[in-house]
Amino acid sequence: ARVSNEPARSTLPGRILVLLLGGLLVATVCALLAPVGWPFELFAHFRVQYAVAAALVAAGLVAVGRPGFAVVAVALALYQALPLLQIARAGRTTAACTGPAFTVATVNLLYRNQDRKPVLDWLAAETPDLVVVQELTPEWAAELSRAAGYAHRRLLTRRDAYGIGILSRWPLDHIQAVDLADDGLPSLSGVVEIHGRPVVVLGLHARWPITPRLLEARDDALRRAAHLIRSEPLPTVVIGDFNLTPFSPAFARFRADSGLRDALAGAGWSPTWQAGFWPLALRIDHVLVPPSVCVNHAAVGPAIGSDHRPVVARLAFGEGAH
């Protein structure tokens, strides 16, 4: 007599789904250990992906008759989605936005990108008042010199991914390079006069934390930036590629230490890097503002030929801020 393989085959999808659930649980534990540092911090950035994957696994487990495991998957999906819901509910404004308005943007150009027209077209259409650009090469600097309206600029070009620049429609003063991590990579800090009111702008591009040393350099840069902001009497806006998401404990620590707010708080999940590829899509480009500056509107921009998308924030000076 021939023995049927049907029972074994029918349980195979269930076994695969249980293994996937186990993998998600392991990733969750690693994310919980993010305050320990590398490599666990890398797991903290993908909570949206974990939530969606857990929801799909839960549906599959129900379909194959594994309700107990499905309950675990649903609980995991809800847990992973909780920070996103908290970010979506976060308020953007802590002051009355009755002062003069201005628009800032961060744009990672991608130093290897040879198609520069989409960036120039986007700048011409969006017309932000102040732009911090990262991955600025000499070729990119030459192209950006054609952008109309930006009479004030400071451009530090490099052949690698860490050139940086500021373009402004308003006068810039005391713009200087700052090595925040003592690793030779420049950030830019200075004062911009907007409607006659001075604001400090700090433009940065933190290290990509794929090794323990690079993560330490990124966190050192953020710690020093927070210290500079706290010691600065003028309001400071920080703009750039942080190479970390709002789900990272390092991001929460920087906000707490600097006293700044995330301009995109309330926007939900708005990836800026690899936005077209869901498994890797992350929001790592940020605009952070002090309590005395209001956010009238903030959004992630369109694809511009880079692996990043720009972030644009329409800000206003607050009156009676607290």
C-alpha atoms as a PDB file:
ATOM      1  CA  ALA A   1       0.000   0.000   0.000  1.00  0.00           C
ATOM      2  CA  ARG A   2       1.173   3.521  -0.790  1.00  0.00           C
ATOM      3  CA  VAL A   3       1.453   5.927   2.166  1.00  0.00           C
ATOM      4  CA  SER A   4       0.012   9.369   1.429  1.00  0.00           C
ATOM      5  CA  ASN A   5       2.173  12.463   1.866  1.00  0.00           C
ATOM      6  CA  GLU A   6      -0.887  14.713   2.082  1.00  0.00           C
ATOM      7  CA  PRO A   7      -0.800  15.359   5.875  1.00  0.00           C
ATOM      8  CA  ALA A   8       2.870  16.343   5.713  1.00  0.00           C
ATOM      9  CA  ARG A   9       2.270  18.586   2.727  1.00  0.00           C
ATOM     10  CA  SER A  10      -0.696  20.269   4.396  1.00  0.00           C
ATOM     11  CA  THR A  11       1.398  21.188   7.442  1.00  0.00           C
ATOM     12  CA  LEU A  12       4.340  22.565   5.450  1.00  0.00           C
ATOM     13  CA  PRO A  13       2.854  26.075   4.974  1.00  0.00           C
ATOM     14  CA  GLY A  14       2.021  26.181   8.669  1.00  0.00           C
ATOM     15  CA  ARG A  15       5.574  25.232   9.606  1.00  0.00           C
ATOM     16  CA  ILE A  16       7.008  27.891   7.308  1.00  0.00           C
ATOM     17  CA  LEU A  17       4.709  30.529   8.818  1.00  0.00           C
ATOM     18  CA  VAL A  18       5.674  29.513  12.354  1.00  0.00           C
ATOM     19  CA  LEU A  19       9.350  29.806  11.388  1.00  0.00           C
ATOM     20  CA  LEU A  20       8.695  33.276   9.968  1.00  0.00           C
ATOM     21  CA  LEU A  21       6.954  34.235  13.190  1.00  0.00           C
ATOM     22  CA  GLY A  22       9.960  32.969  15.117  1.00  0.00           C
ATOM     23  CA  GLY A  23      12.243  35.114  12.989  1.00  0.00           C
ATOM     24  CA  LEU A  24      10.100  38.173  13.669  1.00  0.00           C
ATOM     25  CA  LEU A  25      10.210  37.465  17.397  1.00  0.00           C
ATOM     26  CA  VAL A  26      14.008  37.234  17.263  1.00  0.00           C
ATOM     27  CA  ALA A  27      14.186  40.531  15.356  1.00  0.00           C
ATOM     28  CA  THR A  28      11.901  42.113  17.958  1.00  0.00           C
ATOM     29  CA  VAL A  29      14.139  40.974  20.807  1.00  0.00           C
ATOM     30  CA  CYS A  30      17.155  42.388  18.961  1.00  0.00           C
ATOM     31  CA  ALA A  31      15.333  45.705  18.512  1.00  0.00           C
ATOM     32  CA  LEU A  32      14.568  45.802  22.234  1.00  0.00           C
ATOM     33  CA  LEU A  33      18.312  45.542  22.834  1.00  0.00           C
ATOM     34  CA  ALA A  34      18.986  48.602  20.639  1.00  0.00           C
ATOM     35  CA  PRO A  35      20.159  50.732  23.626  1.00  0.00           C
ATOM     36  CA  VAL A  36      23.063  48.263  23.995  1.00  0.00           C
ATOM     37  CA  GLY A  37      24.381  49.461  20.631  1.00  0.00           C
ATOM     38  CA  TRP A  38      25.626  47.678  17.538  1.00  0.00           C
ATOM     39  CA  PRO A  39      24.399  45.402  15.992  1.00  0.00           C
ATOM     40  CA  PHE A  40      21.075  45.472  17.851  1.00  0.00           C
ATOM     41  CA  GLU A  41      20.380  49.105  16.988  1.00  0.00           C
ATOM     42  CA  LEU A  42      20.155  48.156  13.321  1.00  0.00           C
ATOM     43  CA  PHE A  43      17.044  46.082  14.064  1.00  0.00           C
ATOM     44  CA  ALA A  44      15.204  49.018  15.639  1.00  0.00           C
ATOM     45  CA  HIS A  45      14.705  50.873  12.353  1.00  0.00           C
ATOM     46  CA  PHE A  46      12.406  48.370  10.615  1.00  0.00           C
ATOM     47  CA  ARG A  47       9.384  48.384  12.909  1.00  0.00           C
ATOM     48  CA  VAL A  48       6.956  49.200  10.112  1.00  0.00           C
ATOM     49  CA  GLN A  49       8.221  46.248   8.093  1.00  0.00           C
ATOM     50  CA  TYR A  50       7.962  43.992  11.139  1.00  0.00           C
ATOM     51  CA  ALA A  51       4.386  45.122  11.786  1.00  0.00           C
ATOM     52  CA  VAL A  52       3.256  44.481   8.226  1.00  0.00           C
ATOM     53  CA  ALA A  53       5.069  41.145   8.052  1.00  0.00           C
ATOM     54  CA  ALA A  54       3.551  40.021  11.372  1.00  0.00           C
ATOM     55  CA  ALA A  55       0.067  40.962  10.154  1.00  0.00           C
ATOM     56  CA  LEU A  56       0.559  38.945   6.970  1.00  0.00           C
ATOM     57  CA  VAL A  57       1.904  35.983   8.925  1.00  0.00           C
ATOM     58  CA  ALA A  58      -1.103  36.181  11.263  1.00  0.00           C
ATOM     59  CA  ALA A  59      -3.486  36.034   8.303  1.00  0.00           C
ATOM     60  CA  GLY A  60      -1.612  33.054   6.905  1.00  0.00           C
ATOM     61  CA  LEU A  61      -1.674  31.242  10.235  1.00  0.00           C
ATOM     62  CA  VAL A  62      -5.431  31.678  10.469  1.00  0.00           C
ATOM     63  CA  ALA A  63      -5.786  30.297   6.953  1.00  0.00           C
ATOM     64  CA  VAL A  64      -3.801  27.142   7.798  1.00  0.00           C
ATOM     65  CA  GLY A  65      -5.587  26.556  11.079  1.00  0.00           C
ATOM     66  CA  ARG A  66      -2.961  27.737  13.570  1.00  0.00           C
ATOM     67  CA  PRO A  67      -5.062  30.179  15.671  1.00  0.00           C
ATOM     68  CA  GLY A  68      -2.769  30.102  18.709  1.00  0.00           C
ATOM     69  CA  PHE A  69       0.253  31.213  16.724  1.00  0.00           C
ATOM     70  CA  ALA A  70      -1.966  33.710  14.868  1.00  0.00           C
ATOM     71  CA  VAL A  71      -2.813  35.428  18.172  1.00  0.00           C
ATOM     72  CA  VAL A  72       0.911  35.786  18.900  1.00  0.00           C
ATOM     73  CA  ALA A  73       1.481  37.263  15.433  1.00  0.00           C
ATOM     74  CA  VAL A  74      -1.378  39.766  15.868  1.00  0.00           C
ATOM     75  CA  ALA A  75       0.026  40.855  19.239  1.00  0.00           C
ATOM     76  CA  LEU A  76       3.449  41.261  17.659  1.00  0.00           C
ATOM     77  CA  ALA A  77       2.014  43.326  14.786  1.00  0.00           C
ATOM     78  CA  LEU A  78       0.251  45.647  17.237  1.00  0.00           C
ATOM     79  CA  TYR A  79       3.379  46.028  19.341  1.00  0.00           C
ATOM     80  CA  GLN A  80       5.521  46.898  16.327  1.00  0.00           C
ATOM     81  CA  ALA A  81       2.922  49.360  15.015  1.00  0.00           C
ATOM     82  CA  LEU A  82       2.589  51.222  18.322  1.00  0.00           C
ATOM     83  CA  PRO A  83       5.516  53.660  17.818  1.00  0.00           C
ATOM     84  CA  LEU A  84       4.203  54.550  14.363  1.00  0.00           C
ATOM     85  CA  LEU A  85       0.785  55.324  15.836  1.00  0.00           C
ATOM     86  CA  GLN A  86       2.420  57.469  18.502  1.00  0.00           C
ATOM     87  CA  ILE A  87       4.389  59.388  15.882  1.00  0.00           C
ATOM     88  CA  ALA A  88       1.252  59.872  13.780  1.00  0.00           C
ATOM     89  CA  ARG A  89      -0.602  61.338  16.770  1.00  0.00           C
ATOM     90  CA  ALA A  90       2.240  63.608  17.839  1.00  0.00           C
ATOM     91  CA  GLY A  91       1.530  67.320  17.686  1.00  0.00           C
ATOM     92  CA  ARG A  92       3.640  69.501  15.443  1.00  0.00           C
ATOM     93  CA  THR A  93       3.149  72.908  17.014  1.00  0.00           C
ATOM     94  CA  THR A  94       3.878  74.231  20.487  1.00  0.00           C
ATOM     95  CA  ALA A  95       3.646  77.961  19.710  1.00  0.00           C
ATOM     96  CA  ALA A  96       1.333  80.356  17.925  1.00  0.00           C
ATOM     97  CA  CYS A  97       2.484  80.558  14.309  1.00  0.00           C
ATOM     98  CA  THR A  98       1.988  84.275  13.799  1.00  0.00           C
ATOM     99  CA  GLY A  99       5.554  85.190  12.883  1.00  0.00           C
ATOM    100  CA  PRO A 100       7.186  85.344   9.432  1.00  0.00           C
ATOM    101  CA  ALA A 101       7.241  82.057   7.523  1.00  0.00           C
ATOM    102  CA  PHE A 102      10.093  80.390   5.672  1.00  0.00           C
ATOM    103  CA  THR A 103      10.747  77.034   4.016  1.00  0.00           C
ATOM    104  CA  VAL A 104      13.731  74.744   4.559  1.00  0.00           C
ATOM    105  CA  ALA A 105      14.679  71.491   2.874  1.00  0.00           C
ATOM    106  CA  THR A 106      17.206  68.695   3.084  1.00  0.00           C
ATOM    107  CA  VAL A 107      18.336  66.969  -0.120  1.00  0.00           C
ATOM    108  CA  ASN A 108      20.731  64.038  -0.338  1.00  0.00           C
ATOM    109  CA  LEU A 109      21.930  64.307  -3.926  1.00  0.00           C
ATOM    110  CA  LEU A 110      23.643  60.875  -4.226  1.00  0.00           C
ATOM    111  CA  TYR A 111      27.202  61.640  -5.261  1.00  0.00           C
ATOM    112  CA  ARG A 112      27.166  58.956  -7.995  1.00  0.00           C
ATOM    113  CA  ASN A 113      23.991  60.367  -9.560  1.00  0.00           C
ATOM    114  CA  GLN A 114      24.689  61.696 -13.057  1.00  0.00           C
ATOM    115  CA  ASP A 115      21.116  62.786 -13.835  1.00  0.00           C
ATOM    116  CA  ARG A 116      21.014  66.189 -12.155  1.00  0.00           C
ATOM    117  CA  LYS A 117      18.025  67.680 -13.959  1.00  0.00           C
ATOM    118  CA  PRO A 118      15.353  66.240 -11.577  1.00  0.00           C
ATOM    119  CA  VAL A 119      16.985  67.967  -8.605  1.00  0.00           C
ATOM    120  CA  LEU A 120      17.218  71.305 -10.414  1.00  0.00           C
ATOM    121  CA  ASP A 121      13.625  71.016 -11.623  1.00  0.00           C
ATOM    122  CA  TRP A 122      12.451  70.189  -8.111  1.00  0.00           C
ATOM    123  CA  LEU A 123      14.279  73.178  -6.624  1.00  0.00           C
ATOM    124  CA  ALA A 124      12.752  75.473  -9.234  1.00  0.00           C
ATOM    125  CA  ALA A 125       9.246  74.151  -8.516  1.00  0.00           C
ATOM    126  CA  GLU A 126       9.499  73.938  -4.708  1.00  0.00           C
ATOM    127  CA  THR A 127      11.585  77.117  -4.163  1.00  0.00           C
ATOM    128  CA  PRO A 128      12.625  76.498  -0.548  1.00  0.00           C
ATOM    129  CA  ASP A 129      14.285  79.458   1.143  1.00  0.00           C
ATOM    130  CA  LEU A 130      17.142  77.407   2.530  1.00  0.00           C
ATOM    131  CA  VAL A 131      18.457  74.028   1.383  1.00  0.00           C
ATOM    132  CA  VAL A 132      21.024  71.737   2.971  1.00  0.00           C
ATOM    133  CA  VAL A 133      22.482  69.323   0.413  1.00  0.00           C
ATOM    134  CA  GLN A 134      24.505  66.209   1.169  1.00  0.00           C
ATOM    135  CA  GLU A 135      26.829  64.096  -1.004  1.00  0.00           C
ATOM    136  CA  LEU A 136      27.972  67.259  -2.751  1.00  0.00           C
ATOM    137  CA  THR A 137      30.651  66.716  -5.405  1.00  0.00           C
ATOM    138  CA  PRO A 138      32.370  69.399  -7.510  1.00  0.00           C
ATOM    139  CA  GLU A 139      30.135  68.412 -10.428  1.00  0.00           C
ATOM    140  CA  TRP A 140      27.002  68.779  -8.315  1.00  0.00           C
ATOM    141  CA  ALA A 141      28.236  72.158  -7.046  1.00  0.00           C
ATOM    142  CA  ALA A 142      28.654  73.372 -10.618  1.00  0.00           C
ATOM    143  CA  GLU A 143      25.099  72.304 -11.459  1.00  0.00           C
ATOM    144  CA  LEU A 144      23.625  73.882  -8.333  1.00  0.00           C
ATOM    145  CA  SER A 145      25.274  77.176  -9.202  1.00  0.00           C
ATOM    146  CA  ARG A 146      22.631  77.402 -11.935  1.00  0.00           C
ATOM    147  CA  ALA A 147      19.762  77.246  -9.433  1.00  0.00           C
ATOM    148  CA  ALA A 148      18.088  80.648  -9.533  1.00  0.00           C
ATOM    149  CA  GLY A 149      17.505  82.687  -6.410  1.00  0.00           C
ATOM    150  CA  TYR A 150      20.208  81.282  -4.143  1.00  0.00           C
ATOM    151  CA  ALA A 151      22.577  84.216  -3.880  1.00  0.00           C
ATOM    152  CA  HIS A 152      23.997  83.008  -0.579  1.00  0.00           C
ATOM    153  CA  ARG A 153      25.757  79.672  -0.357  1.00  0.00           C
ATOM    154  CA  ARG A 154      28.535  77.693   1.251  1.00  0.00           C
ATOM    155  CA  LEU A 155      29.587  74.531  -0.540  1.00  0.00           C
ATOM    156  CA  LEU A 156      32.118  71.993   0.736  1.00  0.00           C
ATOM    157  CA  THR A 157      32.653  69.471  -2.042  1.00  0.00           C
ATOM    158  CA  ARG A 158      34.167  65.997  -1.749  1.00  0.00           C
ATOM    159  CA  ARG A 159      34.630  63.027  -4.047  1.00  0.00           C
ATOM    160  CA  ASP A 160      32.967  60.677  -1.587  1.00  0.00           C
ATOM    161  CA  ALA A 161      29.491  60.724  -0.030  1.00  0.00           C
ATOM    162  CA  TYR A 162      30.238  63.388   2.583  1.00  0.00           C
ATOM    163  CA  GLY A 163      30.352  66.688   0.742  1.00  0.00           C
ATOM    164  CA  ILE A 164      27.832  69.164   2.150  1.00  0.00           C
ATOM    165  CA  GLY A 165      26.444  72.574   1.299  1.00  0.00           C
ATOM    166  CA  ILE A 166      23.916  75.260   2.179  1.00  0.00           C
ATOM    167  CA  LEU A 167      21.985  77.277  -0.399  1.00  0.00           C
ATOM    168  CA  SER A 168      19.979  80.242   0.873  1.00  0.00           C
ATOM    169  CA  ARG A 169      17.802  83.050  -0.401  1.00  0.00           C
ATOM    170  CA  TRP A 170      18.553  84.894   2.836  1.00  0.00           C
ATOM    171  CA  PRO A 171      21.915  86.263   4.008  1.00  0.00           C
ATOM    172  CA  LEU A 172      24.249  83.791   5.692  1.00  0.00           C
ATOM    173  CA  ASP A 173      26.670  84.789   8.419  1.00  0.00           C
ATOM    174  CA  HIS A 174      29.478  82.972  10.237  1.00  0.00           C
ATOM    175  CA  ILE A 175      28.975  79.788   8.213  1.00  0.00           C
ATOM    176  CA  GLN A 176      31.751  77.408   9.184  1.00  0.00           C
ATOM    177  CA  ALA A 177      32.668  73.761   8.896  1.00  0.00           C
ATOM    178  CA  VAL A 178      32.308  71.760  12.105  1.00  0.00           C
ATOM    179  CA  ASP A 179      33.787  68.305  12.648  1.00  0.00           C
ATOM    180  CA  LEU A 180      31.184  66.950  15.042  1.00  0.00           C
ATOM    181  CA  ALA A 181      32.681  63.474  15.449  1.00  0.00           C
ATOM    182  CA  ASP A 182      36.389  64.350  15.092  1.00  0.00           C
ATOM    183  CA  ASP A 183      36.509  62.023  12.110  1.00  0.00           C
ATOM    184  CA  GLY A 184      37.288  64.527   9.364  1.00  0.00           C
ATOM    185  CA  LEU A 185      33.735  64.810   8.008  1.00  0.00           C
ATOM    186  CA  PRO A 186      32.324  68.323   7.802  1.00  0.00           C
ATOM    187  CA  SER A 187      28.999  69.626   8.997  1.00  0.00           C
ATOM    188  CA  LEU A 188      28.006  73.244   8.415  1.00  0.00           C
ATOM    189  CA  SER A 189      26.854  75.680  11.074  1.00  0.00           C
ATOM    190  CA  GLY A 190      25.991  79.339  10.818  1.00  0.00           C
ATOM    191  CA  VAL A 191      23.395  82.052  11.125  1.00  0.00           C
ATOM    192  CA  VAL A 192      20.784  82.885   8.516  1.00  0.00           C
ATOM    193  CA  GLU A 193      18.918  86.197   8.661  1.00  0.00           C
ATOM    194  CA  ILE A 194      15.269  85.508   7.810  1.00  0.00           C
ATOM    195  CA  HIS A 195      13.037  88.573   7.653  1.00  0.00           C
ATOM    196  CA  GLY A 196      15.694  90.235   9.790  1.00  0.00           C
ATOM    197  CA  ARG A 197      15.509  87.536  12.444  1.00  0.00           C
ATOM    198  CA  PRO A 198      18.600  85.376  13.102  1.00  0.00           C
ATOM    199  CA  VAL A 199      18.333  81.591  13.172  1.00  0.00           C
ATOM    200  CA  VAL A 200      21.211  79.150  13.552  1.00  0.00           C
ATOM    201  CA  VAL A 201      21.233  76.419  10.909  1.00  0.00           C
ATOM    202  CA  LEU A 202      23.138  73.202  11.450  1.00  0.00           C
ATOM    203  CA  GLY A 203      23.443  71.021   8.369  1.00  0.00           C
ATOM    204  CA  LEU A 204      24.832  67.536   8.842  1.00  0.00           C
ATOM    205  CA  HIS A 205      25.329  64.132   7.278  1.00  0.00           C
ATOM    206  CA  ALA A 206      25.983  61.537   9.978  1.00  0.00           C
ATOM    207  CA  ARG A 207      27.847  58.303   9.412  1.00  0.00           C
ATOM    208  CA  TRP A 208      26.135  55.176   8.085  1.00  0.00           C
ATOM    209  CA  PRO A 209      26.144  52.904  11.189  1.00  0.00           C
ATOM    210  CA  ILE A 210      26.892  49.533   9.621  1.00  0.00           C
ATOM    211  CA  THR A 211      29.913  48.870  11.876  1.00  0.00           C
ATOM    212  CA  PRO A 212      30.433  49.555  15.601  1.00  0.00           C
ATOM    213  CA  ARG A 213      32.968  52.294  14.836  1.00  0.00           C
ATOM    214  CA  LEU A 214      30.670  54.082  12.383  1.00  0.00           C
ATOM    215  CA  LEU A 215      27.737  53.890  14.789  1.00  0.00           C
ATOM    216  CA  GLU A 216      29.919  55.402  17.502  1.00  0.00           C
ATOM    217  CA  ALA A 217      30.931  58.228  15.134  1.00  0.00           C
ATOM    218  CA  ARG A 218      27.291  58.922  14.272  1.00  0.00           C
ATOM    219  CA  ASP A 219      26.274  59.037  17.926  1.00  0.00           C
ATOM    220  CA  ASP A 220      29.280  61.200  18.836  1.00  0.00           C
ATOM    221  CA  ALA A 221      28.239  63.693  16.155  1.00  0.00           C
ATOM    222  CA  LEU A 222      24.702  63.832  17.492  1.00  0.00           C
ATOM    223  CA  ARG A 223      25.880  64.244  21.095  1.00  0.00           C
ATOM    224  CA  ARG A 224      28.137  67.153  20.173  1.00  0.00           C
ATOM    225  CA  ALA A 225      25.418  68.693  18.024  1.00  0.00           C
ATOM    226  CA  ALA A 226      22.997  68.556  20.961  1.00  0.00           C
ATOM    227  CA  HIS A 227      25.578  70.230  23.192  1.00  0.00           C
ATOM    228  CA  LEU A 228      26.132  73.027  20.657  1.00  0.00           C
ATOM    229  CA  ILE A 229      22.392  73.578  20.343  1.00  0.00           C
ATOM    230  CA  ARG A 230      21.874  73.769  24.105  1.00  0.00           C
ATOM    231  CA  SER A 231      24.690  76.314  24.449  1.00  0.00           C
ATOM    232  CA  GLU A 232      23.428  78.490  21.573  1.00  0.00           C
ATOM    233  CA  PRO A 233      21.234  81.468  22.621  1.00  0.00           C
ATOM    234  CA  LEU A 234      19.655  81.733  19.168  1.00  0.00           C
ATOM    235  CA  PRO A 235      17.041  79.227  17.959  1.00  0.00           C
ATOM    236  CA  THR A 236      18.626  76.378  15.991  1.00  0.00           C
ATOM    237  CA  VAL A 237      17.182  74.346  13.126  1.00  0.00           C
ATOM    238  CA  VAL A 238      18.973  71.078  12.333  1.00  0.00           C
ATOM    239  CA  ILE A 239      18.662  69.757   8.796  1.00  0.00           C
ATOM    240  CA  GLY A 240      20.194  66.738   7.126  1.00  0.00           C
ATOM    241  CA  ASP A 241      20.740  63.021   6.737  1.00  0.00           C
ATOM    242  CA  PHE A 242      20.984  61.557  10.250  1.00  0.00           C
ATOM    243  CA  ASN A 243      21.280  57.923   9.120  1.00  0.00           C
ATOM    244  CA  LEU A 244      18.835  56.875  11.799  1.00  0.00           C
ATOM    245  CA  THR A 245      15.053  56.638  12.028  1.00  0.00           C
ATOM    246  CA  PRO A 246      12.619  58.003  14.630  1.00  0.00           C
ATOM    247  CA  PHE A 247      12.400  54.466  16.047  1.00  0.00           C
ATOM    248  CA  SER A 248      16.017  54.510  17.194  1.00  0.00           C
ATOM    249  CA  PRO A 249      16.821  55.289  20.843  1.00  0.00           C
ATOM    250  CA  ALA A 250      19.622  57.507  19.504  1.00  0.00           C
ATOM    251  CA  PHE A 251      17.015  59.711  17.795  1.00  0.00           C
ATOM    252  CA  ALA A 252      14.962  60.017  20.986  1.00  0.00           C
ATOM    253  CA  ARG A 253      18.126  60.799  22.935  1.00  0.00           C
ATOM    254  CA  PHE A 254      19.117  63.532  20.478  1.00  0.00           C
ATOM    255  CA  ARG A 255      15.685  65.147  20.646  1.00  0.00           C
ATOM    256  CA  ALA A 256      15.753  65.080  24.437  1.00  0.00           C
ATOM    257  CA  ASP A 257      19.319  66.401  24.687  1.00  0.00           C
ATOM    258  CA  SER A 258      18.828  69.150  22.089  1.00  0.00           C
ATOM    259  CA  GLY A 259      15.289  70.189  23.013  1.00  0.00           C
ATOM    260  CA  LEU A 260      14.265  70.063  19.340  1.00  0.00           C
ATOM    261  CA  ARG A 261      11.125  68.628  17.751  1.00  0.00           C
ATOM    262  CA  ASP A 262      10.725  66.453  14.676  1.00  0.00           C
ATOM    263  CA  ALA A 263       9.125  68.542  11.920  1.00  0.00           C
ATOM    264  CA  LEU A 264       7.606  65.400  10.384  1.00  0.00           C
ATOM    265  CA  ALA A 265       5.964  64.277  13.629  1.00  0.00           C
ATOM    266  CA  GLY A 266       2.338  63.571  12.776  1.00  0.00           C
ATOM    267  CA  ALA A 267       3.120  62.624   9.190  1.00  0.00           C
ATOM    268  CA  GLY A 268       3.016  58.884   9.876  1.00  0.00           C
ATOM    269  CA  TRP A 269       5.370  56.601   8.006  1.00  0.00           C
ATOM    270  CA  SER A 270       7.115  58.747   5.390  1.00  0.00           C
ATOM    271  CA  PRO A 271      10.275  57.001   4.178  1.00  0.00           C
ATOM    272  CA  THR A 272      13.018  59.131   2.670  1.00  0.00           C
ATOM    273  CA  TRP A 273      15.589  56.449   1.792  1.00  0.00           C
ATOM    274  CA  GLN A 274      14.815  53.581  -0.601  1.00  0.00           C
ATOM    275  CA  ALA A 275      11.213  54.802  -0.541  1.00  0.00           C
ATOM    276  CA  GLY A 276      10.362  52.753  -3.619  1.00  0.00           C
ATOM    277  CA  PHE A 277      11.618  49.477  -2.132  1.00  0.00           C
ATOM    278  CA  TRP A 278       9.398  48.587   0.825  1.00  0.00           C
ATOM    279  CA  PRO A 279      11.695  46.082   2.628  1.00  0.00           C
ATOM    280  CA  LEU A 280      14.415  48.747   3.074  1.00  0.00           C
ATOM    281  CA  ALA A 281      12.368  51.968   3.073  1.00  0.00           C
ATOM    282  CA  LEU A 282      13.329  54.174   6.042  1.00  0.00           C
ATOM    283  CA  ARG A 283      12.962  57.776   7.164  1.00  0.00           C
ATOM    284  CA  ILE A 284      16.518  58.882   7.904  1.00  0.00           C
ATOM    285  CA  ASP A 285      16.445  62.479   6.573  1.00  0.00           C
ATOM    286  CA  HIS A 286      15.138  64.999   9.075  1.00  0.00           C
ATOM    287  CA  VAL A 287      14.318  68.591   9.911  1.00  0.00           C
ATOM    288  CA  LEU A 288      14.279  69.375  13.634  1.00  0.00           C
ATOM    289  CA  VAL A 289      13.102  72.674  15.069  1.00  0.00           C
ATOM    290  CA  PRO A 290      13.118  74.421  18.461  1.00  0.00           C
ATOM    291  CA  PRO A 291       9.899  75.129  20.420  1.00  0.00           C
ATOM    292  CA  SER A 292       9.991  78.788  19.311  1.00  0.00           C
ATOM    293  CA  VAL A 293       9.641  77.779  15.645  1.00  0.00           C
ATOM    294  CA  CYS A 294       6.360  76.355  14.384  1.00  0.00           C
ATOM    295  CA  VAL A 295       5.822  73.803  11.648  1.00  0.00           C
ATOM    296  CA  ASN A 296       3.045  74.878   9.317  1.00  0.00           C
ATOM    297  CA  HIS A 297       3.605  71.954   6.974  1.00  0.00           C
ATOM    298  CA  ALA A 298       6.204  69.252   6.433  1.00  0.00           C
ATOM    299  CA  ALA A 299       6.354  66.488   3.860  1.00  0.00           C
ATOM    300  CA  VAL A 300       8.634  64.098   2.018  1.00  0.00           C
ATOM    301  CA  GLY A 301       9.179  65.142  -1.575  1.00  0.00           C
ATOM    302  CA  PRO A 302       9.146  63.119  -4.807  1.00  0.00           C
ATOM    303  CA  ALA A 303      11.803  60.923  -6.346  1.00  0.00           C
ATOM    304  CA  ILE A 304      14.582  63.153  -7.715  1.00  0.00           C
ATOM    305  CA  GLY A 305      17.048  60.601  -9.080  1.00  0.00           C
ATOM    306  CA  SER A 306      18.734  59.927  -5.737  1.00  0.00           C
ATOM    307  CA  ASP A 307      18.285  56.999  -3.373  1.00  0.00           C
ATOM    308  CA  HIS A 308      16.911  59.616  -0.960  1.00  0.00           C
ATOM    309  CA  ARG A 309      13.869  61.827  -1.220  1.00  0.00           C
ATOM    310  CA  PRO A 310      13.947  65.421   0.012  1.00  0.00           C
ATOM    311  CA  VAL A 311      12.195  66.651   3.136  1.00  0.00           C
ATOM    312  CA  VAL A 312      10.551  70.075   2.994  1.00  0.00           C
ATOM    313  CA  ALA A 313       9.259  71.987   6.019  1.00  0.00           C
ATOM    314  CA  ARG A 314       7.310  75.225   5.983  1.00  0.00           C
ATOM    315  CA  LEU A 315       8.228  76.928   9.248  1.00  0.00           C
ATOM    316  CA  ALA A 316       7.192  80.102  11.028  1.00  0.00           C
ATOM    317  CA  PHE A 317       8.507  82.102  13.929  1.00  0.00           C
ATOM    318  CA  GLY A 318       6.266  81.584  16.915  1.00  0.00           C
ATOM    319  CA  GLU A 319       4.999  84.337  19.115  1.00  0.00           C
ATOM    320  CA  GLY A 320       4.463  83.542  22.769  1.00  0.00           C
ATOM    321  CA  ALA A 321       6.223  80.199  22.487  1.00  0.00           C
ATOM    322  CA  HIS A 322       6.704  78.048  25.540  1.00  0.00           C
END
